[in-house]
């Protein structure tokens, strides 16, 4: 089976694993259309009894360098993220377990997309950062829920307050990554774990996952409602304009609390 949803392809193998690949190289910036395409792919996989686990991967150098709206913002064309997070909630609501192959960078909302998965596989070259505060912005994509759930409150607020960039070894140490392998093996290792999961009893895995995740999609919806409101508010500030300008000019921002 092979299908296409916009810039997202789905290939289902005989091993009961569906590989979902994002095709926006080299950096795979996302927008509403891309997140909706991933959600559409996940829902189709949920309905296919041949699929028991998903591998989420991306073509190009980086897994996902963030939102396309950030690039528009560099030229002064700022668009709110309204409605995009409604599609993100659909991703979190999917029933099939997901293993994500994080090659290169997972930045901002790209980190949020990686955190939507059950497991994350990376390499020493992997870079993970929640750089929102360095842009004068609020975190999104449900990171208010997923980060503390995975790495704890204190490590989460350190990442969010500082915008620190973590390499693969540090990400593994604190739990952002579940397995660390050489760069050339990341996709294969993600697939190996997916095959392990797919070999278990599917009804049992689905039941266990529902118990362990609880109402995660509901909590993500509540969190993204708050995240959207704060993002919309902060995009109107001078600090946000300065943060985006400084990023484009590759210099440290000079924030003035206004």
C-alpha atoms as a PDB file:
ATOM      1  CA  UNK A   1       0.000   0.000   0.000  1.00  0.00           C
ATOM      2  CA  UNK A   2       1.261   3.471  -0.900  1.00  0.00           C
ATOM      3  CA  UNK A   3      -0.737   6.689  -0.572  1.00  0.00           C
ATOM      4  CA  UNK A   4      -0.096  10.403  -0.748  1.00  0.00           C
ATOM      5  CA  UNK A   5      -1.609  13.184   1.365  1.00  0.00           C
ATOM      6  CA  UNK A   6      -0.239  16.472   0.072  1.00  0.00           C
ATOM      7  CA  UNK A   7       3.448  16.553   1.021  1.00  0.00           C
ATOM      8  CA  UNK A   8       3.083  13.388   3.102  1.00  0.00           C
ATOM      9  CA  UNK A   9       3.517   9.849   1.791  1.00  0.00           C
ATOM     10  CA  UNK A  10       2.389   6.606   3.437  1.00  0.00           C
ATOM     11  CA  UNK A  11       3.928   3.222   2.686  1.00  0.00           C
ATOM     12  CA  UNK A  12       2.626   0.103   4.447  1.00  0.00           C
ATOM     13  CA  UNK A  13       4.922  -2.908   4.486  1.00  0.00           C
ATOM     14  CA  UNK A  14       4.257  -6.594   4.998  1.00  0.00           C
ATOM     15  CA  UNK A  15       5.575  -6.171   8.562  1.00  0.00           C
ATOM     16  CA  UNK A  16       2.411  -4.235   9.593  1.00  0.00           C
ATOM     17  CA  UNK A  17       4.355  -0.960   9.894  1.00  0.00           C
ATOM     18  CA  UNK A  18       3.212   2.196   8.100  1.00  0.00           C
ATOM     19  CA  UNK A  19       5.974   4.666   7.253  1.00  0.00           C
ATOM     20  CA  UNK A  20       4.694   8.243   7.096  1.00  0.00           C
ATOM     21  CA  UNK A  21       7.232  10.560   5.463  1.00  0.00           C
ATOM     22  CA  UNK A  22       7.156  14.355   5.225  1.00  0.00           C
ATOM     23  CA  UNK A  23       8.500  15.649   1.908  1.00  0.00           C
ATOM     24  CA  UNK A  24       9.493  19.288   2.383  1.00  0.00           C
ATOM     25  CA  UNK A  25      13.285  19.107   2.300  1.00  0.00           C
ATOM     26  CA  UNK A  26      15.668  20.269   3.510  1.00  0.00           C
ATOM     27  CA  UNK A  27      14.039  21.658   6.677  1.00  0.00           C
ATOM     28  CA  UNK A  28      10.424  20.423   6.486  1.00  0.00           C
ATOM     29  CA  UNK A  29       8.803  23.594   7.799  1.00  0.00           C
ATOM     30  CA  UNK A  30       5.162  22.948   8.620  1.00  0.00           C
ATOM     31  CA  UNK A  31       1.947  24.846   8.052  1.00  0.00           C
ATOM     32  CA  UNK A  32      -1.752  24.087   8.442  1.00  0.00           C
ATOM     33  CA  UNK A  33      -1.811  21.996   5.258  1.00  0.00           C
ATOM     34  CA  UNK A  34       1.091  19.786   6.335  1.00  0.00           C
ATOM     35  CA  UNK A  35      -0.264  19.103   9.826  1.00  0.00           C
ATOM     36  CA  UNK A  36      -3.691  18.340   8.326  1.00  0.00           C
ATOM     37  CA  UNK A  37      -2.033  15.930   5.885  1.00  0.00           C
ATOM     38  CA  UNK A  38      -0.274  14.082   8.704  1.00  0.00           C
ATOM     39  CA  UNK A  39      -3.548  13.893  10.634  1.00  0.00           C
ATOM     40  CA  UNK A  40      -5.354  12.583   7.535  1.00  0.00           C
ATOM     41  CA  UNK A  41      -2.669   9.932   7.075  1.00  0.00           C
ATOM     42  CA  UNK A  42      -2.896   8.840  10.714  1.00  0.00           C
ATOM     43  CA  UNK A  43      -6.679   8.526  10.550  1.00  0.00           C
ATOM     44  CA  UNK A  44      -6.444   6.421   7.382  1.00  0.00           C
ATOM     45  CA  UNK A  45      -3.886   4.181   9.082  1.00  0.00           C
ATOM     46  CA  UNK A  46      -6.158   3.816  12.120  1.00  0.00           C
ATOM     47  CA  UNK A  47      -8.825   2.438   9.774  1.00  0.00           C
ATOM     48  CA  UNK A  48      -6.446  -0.037   8.094  1.00  0.00           C
ATOM     49  CA  UNK A  49      -6.234  -3.351   9.975  1.00  0.00           C
ATOM     50  CA  UNK A  50      -2.907  -4.109   8.261  1.00  0.00           C
ATOM     51  CA  UNK A  51      -1.214  -1.260  10.163  1.00  0.00           C
ATOM     52  CA  UNK A  52      -0.184  -1.752  13.784  1.00  0.00           C
ATOM     53  CA  UNK A  53       2.520   0.895  14.208  1.00  0.00           C
ATOM     54  CA  UNK A  54       3.629   4.098  12.483  1.00  0.00           C
ATOM     55  CA  UNK A  55       7.122   5.391  11.763  1.00  0.00           C
ATOM     56  CA  UNK A  56       7.097   9.161  11.247  1.00  0.00           C
ATOM     57  CA  UNK A  57      10.107  10.372   9.258  1.00  0.00           C
ATOM     58  CA  UNK A  58      11.123  13.308   7.091  1.00  0.00           C
ATOM     59  CA  UNK A  59      13.052  13.732   3.868  1.00  0.00           C
ATOM     60  CA  UNK A  60      16.044  16.055   4.011  1.00  0.00           C
ATOM     61  CA  UNK A  61      18.590  17.349   6.496  1.00  0.00           C
ATOM     62  CA  UNK A  62      16.237  18.206   9.368  1.00  0.00           C
ATOM     63  CA  UNK A  63      13.203  16.455  10.807  1.00  0.00           C
ATOM     64  CA  UNK A  64      11.302  19.731  11.203  1.00  0.00           C
ATOM     65  CA  UNK A  65      12.795  23.184  11.726  1.00  0.00           C
ATOM     66  CA  UNK A  66       9.512  24.709  12.899  1.00  0.00           C
ATOM     67  CA  UNK A  67       6.516  26.507  11.469  1.00  0.00           C
ATOM     68  CA  UNK A  68       6.432  28.061   8.012  1.00  0.00           C
ATOM     69  CA  UNK A  69       4.724  31.078   9.569  1.00  0.00           C
ATOM     70  CA  UNK A  70       8.037  31.863  11.281  1.00  0.00           C
ATOM     71  CA  UNK A  71       9.622  32.301   7.851  1.00  0.00           C
ATOM     72  CA  UNK A  72       6.815  34.614   6.761  1.00  0.00           C
ATOM     73  CA  UNK A  73       7.293  36.554   9.980  1.00  0.00           C
ATOM     74  CA  UNK A  74      10.913  37.280   9.018  1.00  0.00           C
ATOM     75  CA  UNK A  75       9.584  39.373   6.143  1.00  0.00           C
ATOM     76  CA  UNK A  76       7.010  41.057   8.389  1.00  0.00           C
ATOM     77  CA  UNK A  77       4.074  38.899   7.292  1.00  0.00           C
ATOM     78  CA  UNK A  78       2.918  37.395  10.584  1.00  0.00           C
ATOM     79  CA  UNK A  79       0.036  34.905  10.562  1.00  0.00           C
ATOM     80  CA  UNK A  80      -1.543  33.462  13.713  1.00  0.00           C
ATOM     81  CA  UNK A  81      -1.524  29.725  14.261  1.00  0.00           C
ATOM     82  CA  UNK A  82      -5.323  29.622  14.677  1.00  0.00           C
ATOM     83  CA  UNK A  83      -6.856  26.376  13.418  1.00  0.00           C
ATOM     84  CA  UNK A  84      -3.490  24.663  12.867  1.00  0.00           C
ATOM     85  CA  UNK A  85      -3.617  23.279  16.402  1.00  0.00           C
ATOM     86  CA  UNK A  86      -7.044  21.802  15.732  1.00  0.00           C
ATOM     87  CA  UNK A  87      -5.251  19.548  13.252  1.00  0.00           C
ATOM     88  CA  UNK A  88      -2.557  18.834  15.839  1.00  0.00           C
ATOM     89  CA  UNK A  89      -5.231  17.551  18.226  1.00  0.00           C
ATOM     90  CA  UNK A  90      -6.237  15.034  15.540  1.00  0.00           C
ATOM     91  CA  UNK A  91      -2.654  13.758  15.503  1.00  0.00           C
ATOM     92  CA  UNK A  92      -2.713  13.232  19.267  1.00  0.00           C
ATOM     93  CA  UNK A  93      -6.103  11.504  19.007  1.00  0.00           C
ATOM     94  CA  UNK A  94      -4.832   8.830  16.595  1.00  0.00           C
ATOM     95  CA  UNK A  95      -4.997   5.262  17.968  1.00  0.00           C
ATOM     96  CA  UNK A  96      -1.924   3.740  16.301  1.00  0.00           C
ATOM     97  CA  UNK A  97       1.417   3.917  18.176  1.00  0.00           C
ATOM     98  CA  UNK A  98       4.018   6.207  16.591  1.00  0.00           C
ATOM     99  CA  UNK A  99       7.821   6.032  16.548  1.00  0.00           C
ATOM    100  CA  UNK A 100       9.483   9.165  15.165  1.00  0.00           C
ATOM    101  CA  UNK A 101      12.892   9.233  13.475  1.00  0.00           C
ATOM    102  CA  UNK A 102      14.478  12.558  14.474  1.00  0.00           C
ATOM    103  CA  UNK A 103      17.302  13.188  12.023  1.00  0.00           C
ATOM    104  CA  UNK A 104      18.806  16.648  12.322  1.00  0.00           C
ATOM    105  CA  UNK A 105      16.840  19.393  14.036  1.00  0.00           C
ATOM    106  CA  UNK A 106      13.457  19.408  15.751  1.00  0.00           C
ATOM    107  CA  UNK A 107      12.848  23.088  16.465  1.00  0.00           C
ATOM    108  CA  UNK A 108       9.907  24.855  18.090  1.00  0.00           C
ATOM    109  CA  UNK A 109       6.705  23.389  16.702  1.00  0.00           C
ATOM    110  CA  UNK A 110       8.863  20.725  15.070  1.00  0.00           C
ATOM    111  CA  UNK A 111       9.788  19.601  18.570  1.00  0.00           C
ATOM    112  CA  UNK A 112       6.074  19.637  19.360  1.00  0.00           C
ATOM    113  CA  UNK A 113       5.432  17.318  16.425  1.00  0.00           C
ATOM    114  CA  UNK A 114       8.183  14.961  17.604  1.00  0.00           C
ATOM    115  CA  UNK A 115       6.699  14.960  21.108  1.00  0.00           C
ATOM    116  CA  UNK A 116       3.333  13.814  19.742  1.00  0.00           C
ATOM    117  CA  UNK A 117       4.877  10.384  19.132  1.00  0.00           C
ATOM    118  CA  UNK A 118       5.152   7.529  21.617  1.00  0.00           C
ATOM    119  CA  UNK A 119       8.902   7.112  21.034  1.00  0.00           C
ATOM    120  CA  UNK A 120      11.697   9.265  19.590  1.00  0.00           C
ATOM    121  CA  UNK A 121      14.842   7.873  17.950  1.00  0.00           C
ATOM    122  CA  UNK A 122      17.802  10.166  17.285  1.00  0.00           C
ATOM    123  CA  UNK A 123      21.543  10.402  16.797  1.00  0.00           C
ATOM    124  CA  UNK A 124      24.375  12.445  18.340  1.00  0.00           C
ATOM    125  CA  UNK A 125      23.723  14.975  15.552  1.00  0.00           C
ATOM    126  CA  UNK A 126      20.074  15.447  16.567  1.00  0.00           C
ATOM    127  CA  UNK A 127      19.250  18.936  17.840  1.00  0.00           C
ATOM    128  CA  UNK A 128      16.113  19.640  19.866  1.00  0.00           C
ATOM    129  CA  UNK A 129      15.080  23.095  20.999  1.00  0.00           C
ATOM    130  CA  UNK A 130      12.015  24.968  22.224  1.00  0.00           C
ATOM    131  CA  UNK A 131      13.258  28.379  21.082  1.00  0.00           C
ATOM    132  CA  UNK A 132      10.005  30.301  21.548  1.00  0.00           C
ATOM    133  CA  UNK A 133      11.174  32.676  24.302  1.00  0.00           C
ATOM    134  CA  UNK A 134      14.199  33.626  22.195  1.00  0.00           C
ATOM    135  CA  UNK A 135      11.690  34.896  19.629  1.00  0.00           C
ATOM    136  CA  UNK A 136       9.477  36.689  22.150  1.00  0.00           C
ATOM    137  CA  UNK A 137       6.839  34.024  21.599  1.00  0.00           C
ATOM    138  CA  UNK A 138       4.847  31.403  23.548  1.00  0.00           C
ATOM    139  CA  UNK A 139       5.309  27.672  23.084  1.00  0.00           C
ATOM    140  CA  UNK A 140       2.748  25.751  21.047  1.00  0.00           C
ATOM    141  CA  UNK A 141       1.768  22.383  19.581  1.00  0.00           C
ATOM    142  CA  UNK A 142       0.833  21.108  23.037  1.00  0.00           C
ATOM    143  CA  UNK A 143       4.370  21.340  24.429  1.00  0.00           C
ATOM    144  CA  UNK A 144       2.844  22.742  27.629  1.00  0.00           C
ATOM    145  CA  UNK A 145       1.583  19.183  28.201  1.00  0.00           C
ATOM    146  CA  UNK A 146       4.027  16.893  26.429  1.00  0.00           C
ATOM    147  CA  UNK A 147       7.328  18.322  27.656  1.00  0.00           C
ATOM    148  CA  UNK A 148       6.614  18.041  31.411  1.00  0.00           C
ATOM    149  CA  UNK A 149       4.951  14.674  30.870  1.00  0.00           C
ATOM    150  CA  UNK A 150       8.158  13.302  29.331  1.00  0.00           C
ATOM    151  CA  UNK A 151      11.020  15.161  31.048  1.00  0.00           C
ATOM    152  CA  UNK A 152       9.396  16.713  34.128  1.00  0.00           C
ATOM    153  CA  UNK A 153       8.415  20.246  35.101  1.00  0.00           C
ATOM    154  CA  UNK A 154      11.826  21.674  36.003  1.00  0.00           C
ATOM    155  CA  UNK A 155      13.640  20.517  32.887  1.00  0.00           C
ATOM    156  CA  UNK A 156      10.702  21.696  30.793  1.00  0.00           C
ATOM    157  CA  UNK A 157      10.691  25.233  32.119  1.00  0.00           C
ATOM    158  CA  UNK A 158      14.475  25.411  31.744  1.00  0.00           C
ATOM    159  CA  UNK A 159      14.128  24.488  28.062  1.00  0.00           C
ATOM    160  CA  UNK A 160      11.240  26.919  27.572  1.00  0.00           C
ATOM    161  CA  UNK A 161      12.691  29.877  29.511  1.00  0.00           C
ATOM    162  CA  UNK A 162      16.165  29.651  27.942  1.00  0.00           C
ATOM    163  CA  UNK A 163      15.492  28.242  24.480  1.00  0.00           C
ATOM    164  CA  UNK A 164      18.540  26.033  24.984  1.00  0.00           C
ATOM    165  CA  UNK A 165      19.498  23.728  22.124  1.00  0.00           C
ATOM    166  CA  UNK A 166      20.084  20.133  23.209  1.00  0.00           C
ATOM    167  CA  UNK A 167      22.239  17.668  21.317  1.00  0.00           C
ATOM    168  CA  UNK A 168      21.334  14.029  20.943  1.00  0.00           C
ATOM    169  CA  UNK A 169      23.305  12.753  23.933  1.00  0.00           C
ATOM    170  CA  UNK A 170      21.789  15.313  26.312  1.00  0.00           C
ATOM    171  CA  UNK A 171      18.319  14.690  24.856  1.00  0.00           C
ATOM    172  CA  UNK A 172      18.760  10.978  25.556  1.00  0.00           C
ATOM    173  CA  UNK A 173      19.997  11.658  29.092  1.00  0.00           C
ATOM    174  CA  UNK A 174      16.918  13.664  30.077  1.00  0.00           C
ATOM    175  CA  UNK A 175      14.429  11.467  28.213  1.00  0.00           C
ATOM    176  CA  UNK A 176      13.585  13.542  25.135  1.00  0.00           C
ATOM    177  CA  UNK A 177      15.040  10.725  23.039  1.00  0.00           C
ATOM    178  CA  UNK A 178      14.409   7.052  23.772  1.00  0.00           C
ATOM    179  CA  UNK A 179      17.241   5.575  21.691  1.00  0.00           C
ATOM    180  CA  UNK A 180      20.464   7.030  20.290  1.00  0.00           C
ATOM    181  CA  UNK A 181      22.144   5.481  17.242  1.00  0.00           C
ATOM    182  CA  UNK A 182      24.515   6.668  14.493  1.00  0.00           C
ATOM    183  CA  UNK A 183      22.883   9.111  12.097  1.00  0.00           C
ATOM    184  CA  UNK A 184      22.738   6.634   9.219  1.00  0.00           C
ATOM    185  CA  UNK A 185      20.851   4.160  11.422  1.00  0.00           C
ATOM    186  CA  UNK A 186      18.110   6.446  12.777  1.00  0.00           C
ATOM    187  CA  UNK A 187      15.391   5.467  10.300  1.00  0.00           C
ATOM    188  CA  UNK A 188      16.260   1.766  10.530  1.00  0.00           C
ATOM    189  CA  UNK A 189      16.228   1.836  14.344  1.00  0.00           C
ATOM    190  CA  UNK A 190      12.839   3.561  14.353  1.00  0.00           C
ATOM    191  CA  UNK A 191      11.555   0.858  12.035  1.00  0.00           C
ATOM    192  CA  UNK A 192      13.018  -1.909  14.220  1.00  0.00           C
ATOM    193  CA  UNK A 193      11.190  -0.588  17.276  1.00  0.00           C
ATOM    194  CA  UNK A 194       7.973  -0.241  15.259  1.00  0.00           C
ATOM    195  CA  UNK A 195       8.258  -3.878  14.150  1.00  0.00           C
ATOM    196  CA  UNK A 196       8.698  -4.929  17.798  1.00  0.00           C
ATOM    197  CA  UNK A 197       5.513  -3.071  18.716  1.00  0.00           C
ATOM    198  CA  UNK A 198       3.625  -4.409  15.687  1.00  0.00           C
ATOM    199  CA  UNK A 199       4.477  -7.984  16.693  1.00  0.00           C
ATOM    200  CA  UNK A 200       2.549  -7.619  19.965  1.00  0.00           C
ATOM    201  CA  UNK A 201      -1.186  -8.312  20.247  1.00  0.00           C
ATOM    202  CA  UNK A 202      -2.813  -5.256  18.593  1.00  0.00           C
ATOM    203  CA  UNK A 203      -5.904  -5.086  20.813  1.00  0.00           C
ATOM    204  CA  UNK A 204      -3.703  -5.290  23.903  1.00  0.00           C
ATOM    205  CA  UNK A 205      -1.351  -2.568  22.657  1.00  0.00           C
ATOM    206  CA  UNK A 206      -4.289  -0.303  21.824  1.00  0.00           C
ATOM    207  CA  UNK A 207      -5.827  -0.887  25.256  1.00  0.00           C
ATOM    208  CA  UNK A 208      -2.531  -0.306  27.078  1.00  0.00           C
ATOM    209  CA  UNK A 209      -1.889   2.853  25.078  1.00  0.00           C
ATOM    210  CA  UNK A 210      -5.327   4.250  25.896  1.00  0.00           C
ATOM    211  CA  UNK A 211      -4.753   3.585  29.586  1.00  0.00           C
ATOM    212  CA  UNK A 212      -1.270   5.109  29.637  1.00  0.00           C
ATOM    213  CA  UNK A 213      -2.134   8.201  27.574  1.00  0.00           C
ATOM    214  CA  UNK A 214      -5.521   8.847  29.187  1.00  0.00           C
ATOM    215  CA  UNK A 215      -7.359  11.812  27.682  1.00  0.00           C
ATOM    216  CA  UNK A 216      -4.181  13.183  26.113  1.00  0.00           C
ATOM    217  CA  UNK A 217      -6.000  14.651  23.114  1.00  0.00           C
ATOM    218  CA  UNK A 218      -8.388  16.493  25.440  1.00  0.00           C
ATOM    219  CA  UNK A 219      -5.502  17.890  27.477  1.00  0.00           C
ATOM    220  CA  UNK A 220      -3.739  18.935  24.280  1.00  0.00           C
ATOM    221  CA  UNK A 221      -6.877  20.737  23.098  1.00  0.00           C
ATOM    222  CA  UNK A 222      -7.120  22.666  26.368  1.00  0.00           C
ATOM    223  CA  UNK A 223      -3.405  23.490  26.267  1.00  0.00           C
ATOM    224  CA  UNK A 224      -3.420  24.609  22.638  1.00  0.00           C
ATOM    225  CA  UNK A 225      -6.397  26.887  23.297  1.00  0.00           C
ATOM    226  CA  UNK A 226      -4.217  28.707  25.841  1.00  0.00           C
ATOM    227  CA  UNK A 227      -1.123  28.501  23.622  1.00  0.00           C
ATOM    228  CA  UNK A 228      -2.988  29.984  20.634  1.00  0.00           C
ATOM    229  CA  UNK A 229      -4.325  32.879  22.698  1.00  0.00           C
ATOM    230  CA  UNK A 230      -0.896  33.721  24.096  1.00  0.00           C
ATOM    231  CA  UNK A 231       0.790  33.393  20.712  1.00  0.00           C
ATOM    232  CA  UNK A 232      -1.757  35.747  19.163  1.00  0.00           C
ATOM    233  CA  UNK A 233      -1.185  38.265  21.985  1.00  0.00           C
ATOM    234  CA  UNK A 234       2.599  38.119  21.894  1.00  0.00           C
ATOM    235  CA  UNK A 235       2.865  38.463  18.110  1.00  0.00           C
ATOM    236  CA  UNK A 236       1.592  42.026  18.599  1.00  0.00           C
ATOM    237  CA  UNK A 237       4.527  43.005  20.841  1.00  0.00           C
ATOM    238  CA  UNK A 238       7.712  44.853  19.931  1.00  0.00           C
ATOM    239  CA  UNK A 239       9.719  42.097  21.601  1.00  0.00           C
ATOM    240  CA  UNK A 240       8.359  39.537  19.148  1.00  0.00           C
ATOM    241  CA  UNK A 241       9.245  41.763  16.198  1.00  0.00           C
ATOM    242  CA  UNK A 242      12.742  42.183  17.635  1.00  0.00           C
ATOM    243  CA  UNK A 243      13.149  38.457  18.255  1.00  0.00           C
ATOM    244  CA  UNK A 244      12.237  37.585  14.681  1.00  0.00           C
ATOM    245  CA  UNK A 245      14.396  40.403  13.312  1.00  0.00           C
ATOM    246  CA  UNK A 246      17.383  39.283  15.396  1.00  0.00           C
ATOM    247  CA  UNK A 247      16.962  35.704  14.203  1.00  0.00           C
ATOM    248  CA  UNK A 248      16.976  36.850  10.589  1.00  0.00           C
ATOM    249  CA  UNK A 249      20.070  38.984  11.208  1.00  0.00           C
ATOM    250  CA  UNK A 250      21.803  36.199  13.184  1.00  0.00           C
ATOM    251  CA  UNK A 251      22.407  38.335  16.283  1.00  0.00           C
ATOM    252  CA  UNK A 252      21.325  38.356  19.899  1.00  0.00           C
ATOM    253  CA  UNK A 253      17.935  40.036  20.436  1.00  0.00           C
ATOM    254  CA  UNK A 254      17.557  43.200  22.526  1.00  0.00           C
ATOM    255  CA  UNK A 255      14.241  42.787  24.326  1.00  0.00           C
ATOM    256  CA  UNK A 256      12.584  45.789  26.016  1.00  0.00           C
ATOM    257  CA  UNK A 257       9.483  44.249  27.664  1.00  0.00           C
ATOM    258  CA  UNK A 258       7.025  45.943  25.335  1.00  0.00           C
END
